[in-house]
Amino acid sequence: MRDDPLSHTRHGKTLAFAAVVEAGTGLALLLDPALVAALLLGADLGGVAAVLGRCFGVALLALAIACWPGPRQPAGSAPARRAMGAYNALIALYLAYLSVAQLFWGVLLWPAVALHAGVALLLAWPAREAQ
């Protein structure tokens, strides 16, 4: 990959943006998993689903913290970029699958698919520049 300071800044900003989005989603899941499920999937949560939603919230917070660019971690470092990129690509595919194959539909479902797919592409772009 070329050693372009502007490129490092762009990657770091994309990674920071993704970390903020996932931290916000994680906090929302911790506070009210039923609301998140209603907005994303148009579904009600019952029983153990709320517990699992909160566990997913904890995992998203941990991902956000682990991927946050810091002073000892170069902006857009490869391990953090790979982790956040893989998450975003996989969750975009899964959410799209839920809509198409499982017929779930919430007001935020397709915007979430687009956001995650876009972030995954932006995070994958540095790997393409390396070739």
Protein backbone atom coordinates (compact mmCIF):
# COMPACT_ATOMS: atom_id res chain seq x y z
CA MET A 1 0.00 0.00 0.00
CA ARG A 2 1.28 3.44 -0.76
CA ASP A 3 2.47 5.46 2.21
CA ASP A 4 0.15 8.42 1.71
CA PRO A 5 -0.70 10.39 4.90
CA LEU A 6 -4.02 11.44 3.37
CA SER A 7 -4.87 7.78 2.72
CA HIS A 8 -4.10 6.89 6.36
CA THR A 9 -6.30 9.74 7.56
CA ARG A 10 -9.21 8.62 5.36
CA HIS A 11 -8.92 5.03 6.60
CA GLY A 12 -8.71 6.16 10.21
CA LYS A 13 -11.80 8.34 9.80
CA THR A 14 -13.75 5.48 8.22
CA LEU A 15 -12.72 3.16 11.03
CA ALA A 16 -13.62 5.77 13.68
CA PHE A 17 -17.00 6.37 12.01
CA ALA A 18 -17.73 2.63 11.99
CA ALA A 19 -16.68 2.35 15.64
CA VAL A 20 -19.02 5.20 16.63
CA VAL A 21 -21.94 3.64 14.72
CA GLU A 22 -21.38 0.23 16.33
CA ALA A 23 -20.94 1.74 19.80
CA GLY A 24 -24.23 3.60 19.36
CA THR A 25 -25.99 0.47 18.18
CA GLY A 26 -24.47 -1.50 21.05
CA LEU A 27 -25.70 1.04 23.59
CA ALA A 28 -29.16 1.05 22.01
CA LEU A 29 -29.28 -2.75 22.24
CA LEU A 30 -28.23 -2.64 25.87
CA LEU A 31 -30.87 -0.06 26.75
CA ASP A 32 -33.82 -1.23 24.64
CA PRO A 33 -33.29 -4.31 22.46
CA ALA A 34 -37.02 -4.44 21.66
CA LEU A 35 -36.92 -0.97 20.08
CA VAL A 36 -33.90 -1.90 17.94
CA ALA A 37 -35.62 -5.10 16.81
CA ALA A 38 -38.78 -3.19 15.94
CA LEU A 39 -36.89 -0.56 13.92
CA LEU A 40 -34.65 -3.03 12.09
CA LEU A 41 -36.85 -6.06 11.67
CA GLY A 42 -40.37 -4.92 12.43
CA ALA A 43 -40.51 -7.74 14.98
CA ASP A 44 -41.33 -8.03 18.66
CA LEU A 45 -38.84 -9.56 21.05
CA GLY A 46 -39.97 -12.03 23.64
CA GLY A 47 -38.34 -14.08 26.33
CA VAL A 48 -34.68 -14.82 25.82
CA ALA A 49 -34.43 -12.69 22.65
CA ALA A 50 -34.02 -9.50 24.72
CA VAL A 51 -31.21 -11.15 26.68
CA LEU A 52 -29.47 -12.16 23.45
CA GLY A 53 -30.00 -8.66 22.06
CA ARG A 54 -28.20 -7.21 25.07
CA CYS A 55 -25.36 -9.74 24.62
CA PHE A 56 -25.06 -8.56 21.00
CA GLY A 57 -24.95 -5.00 22.32
CA VAL A 58 -22.01 -5.87 24.57
CA ALA A 59 -20.21 -7.50 21.61
CA LEU A 60 -20.73 -4.41 19.44
CA LEU A 61 -19.35 -2.17 22.18
CA ALA A 62 -16.29 -4.42 22.47
CA LEU A 63 -15.78 -4.33 18.69
CA ALA A 64 -16.05 -0.54 18.69
CA ILE A 65 -13.51 -0.20 21.50
CA ALA A 66 -11.10 -2.66 19.90
CA CYS A 67 -11.25 -0.92 16.53
CA TRP A 68 -11.06 2.69 17.74
CA PRO A 69 -7.91 4.27 16.24
CA GLY A 70 -5.63 5.39 19.06
CA PRO A 71 -2.22 6.97 19.54
CA ARG A 72 -0.46 3.60 19.65
CA GLN A 73 -2.43 2.18 16.74
CA PRO A 74 -1.90 3.78 13.33
CA ALA A 75 -5.01 5.21 11.72
CA GLY A 76 -6.75 2.46 9.82
CA SER A 77 -4.46 -0.33 11.05
CA ALA A 78 -4.89 -3.59 9.16
CA PRO A 79 -6.19 -5.84 12.00
CA ALA A 80 -8.82 -3.33 13.12
CA ARG A 81 -9.79 -2.61 9.52
CA ARG A 82 -10.15 -6.34 8.76
CA ALA A 83 -12.27 -6.97 11.87
CA MET A 84 -14.61 -4.04 11.31
CA GLY A 85 -14.73 -4.70 7.56
CA ALA A 86 -15.62 -8.35 8.06
CA TYR A 87 -18.33 -7.47 10.56
CA ASN A 88 -19.85 -4.84 8.27
CA ALA A 89 -19.80 -7.07 5.18
CA LEU A 90 -21.30 -10.05 7.02
CA ILE A 91 -23.99 -8.07 8.86
CA ALA A 92 -25.01 -6.34 5.60
CA LEU A 93 -25.44 -9.73 3.93
CA TYR A 94 -27.31 -11.19 6.91
CA LEU A 95 -29.69 -8.24 7.24
CA ALA A 96 -30.42 -8.37 3.50
CA TYR A 97 -31.05 -12.12 3.82
CA LEU A 98 -33.46 -11.52 6.70
CA SER A 99 -35.44 -9.12 4.56
CA VAL A 100 -35.48 -11.21 1.38
CA ALA A 101 -35.70 -14.78 2.67
CA GLN A 102 -37.30 -14.35 6.07
CA LEU A 103 -39.59 -11.44 5.21
CA PHE A 104 -38.55 -9.22 8.10
CA TRP A 105 -38.97 -5.55 7.43
CA GLY A 106 -38.35 -2.56 9.65
CA VAL A 107 -38.05 1.09 8.75
CA LEU A 108 -34.27 1.04 9.32
CA LEU A 109 -33.48 -2.35 7.77
CA TRP A 110 -32.43 -1.33 4.24
CA PRO A 111 -30.70 1.88 5.38
CA ALA A 112 -28.70 -0.35 7.77
CA VAL A 113 -27.85 -2.75 4.93
CA ALA A 114 -26.65 0.15 2.78
CA LEU A 115 -24.64 1.72 5.61
CA HIS A 116 -22.90 -1.54 6.51
CA ALA A 117 -22.19 -2.41 2.87
CA GLY A 118 -20.76 1.06 2.26
CA VAL A 119 -18.53 0.94 5.32
CA ALA A 120 -17.33 -2.55 4.34
CA LEU A 121 -16.38 -1.29 0.89
CA LEU A 122 -14.56 1.74 2.30
CA LEU A 123 -12.64 -0.45 4.74
CA ALA A 124 -11.77 -2.93 1.98
CA TRP A 125 -10.48 -0.20 -0.34
CA PRO A 126 -6.99 -0.02 1.28
CA ALA A 127 -6.45 -3.70 0.51
CA ARG A 128 -7.21 -2.96 -3.11
CA GLU A 129 -4.70 -0.08 -3.15
CA ALA A 130 -2.00 -2.48 -1.97
CA GLN A 131 -2.20 -4.49 -5.21
